[in-house]
Amino acid sequence: MLYVNQSYHGPIRGLRLPQNAWQALQNAEIRTLDELKAVAVRIEQLSGVGPKTAQVIRAELDRVALL
């Protein structure tokens, strides 16, 4: 499993991400799944998102896409 830290449900329904990922998305004013999908290919460019966090976010996007 990619989650190093405990994951949390946040403002984007269905996603479970570590708190630091939610904070980065909030700082980037990403509030919907569509907004997140639009920046997924360049998610590492967001402040506070490193390679590991980007990998976790992308894995969650893949997981919810299957639902």
N, C-alpha and C. Protein backbone atom coordinates (compact mmCIF):
# COMPACT_ATOMS: atom_id res chain seq x y z
N MET A 1 0.85 -1.18 0.00
CA MET A 1 0.00 0.00 0.00
C MET A 1 0.89 1.23 0.00
N LEU A 2 0.48 2.25 -0.72
CA LEU A 2 1.28 3.46 -0.85
C LEU A 2 1.19 4.40 0.34
N TYR A 3 0.22 4.20 1.21
CA TYR A 3 0.01 5.14 2.29
C TYR A 3 1.04 4.94 3.39
N VAL A 4 1.85 5.95 3.58
CA VAL A 4 2.83 5.90 4.65
C VAL A 4 2.17 6.40 5.93
N ASN A 5 1.46 7.48 5.83
CA ASN A 5 0.73 8.05 6.95
C ASN A 5 -0.72 7.62 6.88
N GLN A 6 -1.42 7.86 7.95
CA GLN A 6 -2.85 7.57 7.96
C GLN A 6 -3.54 8.44 6.92
N SER A 7 -4.52 7.88 6.23
CA SER A 7 -5.25 8.66 5.23
C SER A 7 -6.57 9.13 5.82
N TYR A 8 -7.06 10.21 5.26
CA TYR A 8 -8.26 10.86 5.76
C TYR A 8 -9.21 11.14 4.61
N HIS A 9 -10.48 11.09 4.93
CA HIS A 9 -11.47 11.57 3.98
C HIS A 9 -11.41 13.08 4.05
N GLY A 10 -11.50 13.73 2.92
CA GLY A 10 -11.43 15.18 2.89
C GLY A 10 -12.58 15.76 2.10
N PRO A 11 -12.40 16.98 1.62
CA PRO A 11 -13.49 17.67 0.95
C PRO A 11 -13.87 17.11 -0.43
N ILE A 12 -13.00 16.32 -1.04
CA ILE A 12 -13.35 15.72 -2.32
C ILE A 12 -13.87 14.32 -2.01
N ARG A 13 -15.14 14.16 -2.17
CA ARG A 13 -15.82 12.93 -1.78
C ARG A 13 -15.21 11.70 -2.45
N GLY A 14 -14.98 10.68 -1.64
CA GLY A 14 -14.48 9.42 -2.14
C GLY A 14 -12.97 9.25 -2.08
N LEU A 15 -12.24 10.36 -1.96
CA LEU A 15 -10.78 10.26 -1.89
C LEU A 15 -10.32 10.09 -0.45
N ARG A 16 -9.30 9.27 -0.28
CA ARG A 16 -8.66 9.09 1.02
C ARG A 16 -7.19 9.41 0.81
N LEU A 17 -6.77 10.50 1.38
CA LEU A 17 -5.40 10.98 1.20
C LEU A 17 -4.78 11.34 2.53
N PRO A 18 -3.44 11.32 2.61
CA PRO A 18 -2.78 11.80 3.82
C PRO A 18 -3.07 13.29 4.02
N GLN A 19 -2.98 13.71 5.27
CA GLN A 19 -3.30 15.10 5.61
C GLN A 19 -2.45 16.09 4.80
N ASN A 20 -1.17 15.78 4.57
CA ASN A 20 -0.33 16.71 3.83
C ASN A 20 -0.81 16.88 2.38
N ALA A 21 -1.38 15.83 1.80
CA ALA A 21 -1.92 15.94 0.44
C ALA A 21 -3.16 16.83 0.44
N TRP A 22 -4.03 16.64 1.43
CA TRP A 22 -5.22 17.50 1.51
C TRP A 22 -4.81 18.95 1.68
N GLN A 23 -3.81 19.20 2.49
CA GLN A 23 -3.35 20.57 2.72
C GLN A 23 -2.81 21.18 1.42
N ALA A 24 -2.04 20.42 0.66
CA ALA A 24 -1.51 20.92 -0.62
C ALA A 24 -2.64 21.23 -1.60
N LEU A 25 -3.64 20.35 -1.65
CA LEU A 25 -4.78 20.60 -2.55
C LEU A 25 -5.56 21.84 -2.10
N GLN A 26 -5.73 21.98 -0.80
CA GLN A 26 -6.43 23.17 -0.30
C GLN A 26 -5.65 24.43 -0.64
N ASN A 27 -4.35 24.42 -0.46
CA ASN A 27 -3.51 25.58 -0.78
C ASN A 27 -3.58 25.94 -2.26
N ALA A 28 -3.72 24.92 -3.11
CA ALA A 28 -3.82 25.13 -4.56
C ALA A 28 -5.27 25.43 -5.00
N GLU A 29 -6.17 25.49 -4.02
CA GLU A 29 -7.59 25.77 -4.27
C GLU A 29 -8.22 24.73 -5.20
N ILE A 30 -7.83 23.49 -5.02
CA ILE A 30 -8.43 22.36 -5.75
C ILE A 30 -9.50 21.78 -4.85
N ARG A 31 -10.75 21.91 -5.30
CA ARG A 31 -11.87 21.53 -4.44
C ARG A 31 -12.78 20.45 -5.03
N THR A 32 -12.53 20.07 -6.28
CA THR A 32 -13.39 19.06 -6.90
C THR A 32 -12.53 17.99 -7.56
N LEU A 33 -13.14 16.86 -7.81
CA LEU A 33 -12.45 15.77 -8.47
C LEU A 33 -12.04 16.18 -9.89
N ASP A 34 -12.90 16.91 -10.58
CA ASP A 34 -12.56 17.36 -11.93
C ASP A 34 -11.36 18.30 -11.92
N GLU A 35 -11.28 19.19 -10.94
CA GLU A 35 -10.12 20.09 -10.84
C GLU A 35 -8.84 19.28 -10.59
N LEU A 36 -8.95 18.27 -9.74
CA LEU A 36 -7.79 17.44 -9.45
C LEU A 36 -7.35 16.65 -10.67
N LYS A 37 -8.30 16.08 -11.38
CA LYS A 37 -7.97 15.35 -12.61
C LYS A 37 -7.27 16.25 -13.62
N ALA A 38 -7.68 17.51 -13.68
CA ALA A 38 -7.10 18.44 -14.66
C ALA A 38 -5.63 18.73 -14.38
N VAL A 39 -5.21 18.63 -13.13
CA VAL A 39 -3.81 18.93 -12.79
C VAL A 39 -2.99 17.67 -12.47
N ALA A 40 -3.60 16.51 -12.59
CA ALA A 40 -2.95 15.26 -12.19
C ALA A 40 -1.61 15.02 -12.89
N VAL A 41 -1.51 15.39 -14.15
CA VAL A 41 -0.26 15.13 -14.89
C VAL A 41 0.88 16.03 -14.43
N ARG A 42 0.55 17.12 -13.77
CA ARG A 42 1.59 18.04 -13.29
C ARG A 42 1.46 18.30 -11.79
N ILE A 43 0.94 17.32 -11.08
CA ILE A 43 0.64 17.49 -9.66
C ILE A 43 1.89 17.81 -8.84
N GLU A 44 3.06 17.33 -9.27
CA GLU A 44 4.30 17.62 -8.54
C GLU A 44 4.66 19.09 -8.53
N GLN A 45 4.09 19.85 -9.42
CA GLN A 45 4.39 21.28 -9.49
C GLN A 45 3.67 22.08 -8.41
N LEU A 46 2.71 21.46 -7.74
CA LEU A 46 2.01 22.14 -6.67
C LEU A 46 2.90 22.22 -5.44
N SER A 47 2.83 23.33 -4.74
CA SER A 47 3.60 23.50 -3.52
C SER A 47 3.19 22.44 -2.51
N GLY A 48 4.17 21.75 -1.94
CA GLY A 48 3.89 20.75 -0.92
C GLY A 48 3.66 19.35 -1.45
N VAL A 49 3.76 19.18 -2.76
CA VAL A 49 3.56 17.85 -3.36
C VAL A 49 4.87 17.36 -3.95
N GLY A 50 5.44 16.37 -3.28
CA GLY A 50 6.65 15.74 -3.79
C GLY A 50 6.29 14.48 -4.55
N PRO A 51 7.29 13.74 -4.98
CA PRO A 51 7.04 12.53 -5.78
C PRO A 51 6.19 11.48 -5.06
N LYS A 52 6.42 11.26 -3.79
CA LYS A 52 5.67 10.24 -3.05
C LYS A 52 4.20 10.66 -2.89
N THR A 53 3.98 11.91 -2.54
CA THR A 53 2.60 12.41 -2.41
C THR A 53 1.89 12.39 -3.75
N ALA A 54 2.59 12.75 -4.81
CA ALA A 54 2.00 12.70 -6.15
C ALA A 54 1.59 11.28 -6.50
N GLN A 55 2.43 10.32 -6.15
CA GLN A 55 2.12 8.91 -6.42
C GLN A 55 0.87 8.48 -5.66
N VAL A 56 0.75 8.90 -4.41
CA VAL A 56 -0.43 8.56 -3.60
C VAL A 56 -1.68 9.18 -4.20
N ILE A 57 -1.60 10.45 -4.61
CA ILE A 57 -2.76 11.13 -5.21
C ILE A 57 -3.18 10.43 -6.49
N ARG A 58 -2.23 10.12 -7.35
CA ARG A 58 -2.56 9.44 -8.60
C ARG A 58 -3.16 8.06 -8.36
N ALA A 59 -2.64 7.35 -7.37
CA ALA A 59 -3.20 6.03 -7.05
C ALA A 59 -4.64 6.16 -6.57
N GLU A 60 -4.93 7.18 -5.80
CA GLU A 60 -6.30 7.40 -5.34
C GLU A 60 -7.21 7.77 -6.51
N LEU A 61 -6.71 8.58 -7.42
CA LEU A 61 -7.50 8.92 -8.61
C LEU A 61 -7.81 7.66 -9.41
N ASP A 62 -6.84 6.78 -9.55
CA ASP A 62 -7.07 5.52 -10.26
C ASP A 62 -8.10 4.67 -9.53
N ARG A 63 -8.00 4.63 -8.20
CA ARG A 63 -8.92 3.82 -7.40
C ARG A 63 -10.37 4.31 -7.55
N VAL A 64 -10.57 5.63 -7.46
CA VAL A 64 -11.95 6.13 -7.57
C VAL A 64 -12.47 6.04 -8.99
N ALA A 65 -11.57 6.03 -9.96
CA ALA A 65 -12.03 5.89 -11.35
C ALA A 65 -12.63 4.51 -11.59
N LEU A 66 -12.18 3.53 -10.83
CA LEU A 66 -12.69 2.18 -10.97
C LEU A 66 -14.05 1.99 -10.31
N LEU A 67 -14.41 2.91 -9.44
CA LEU A 67 -15.69 2.80 -8.72
C LEU A 67 -16.81 3.21 -9.57
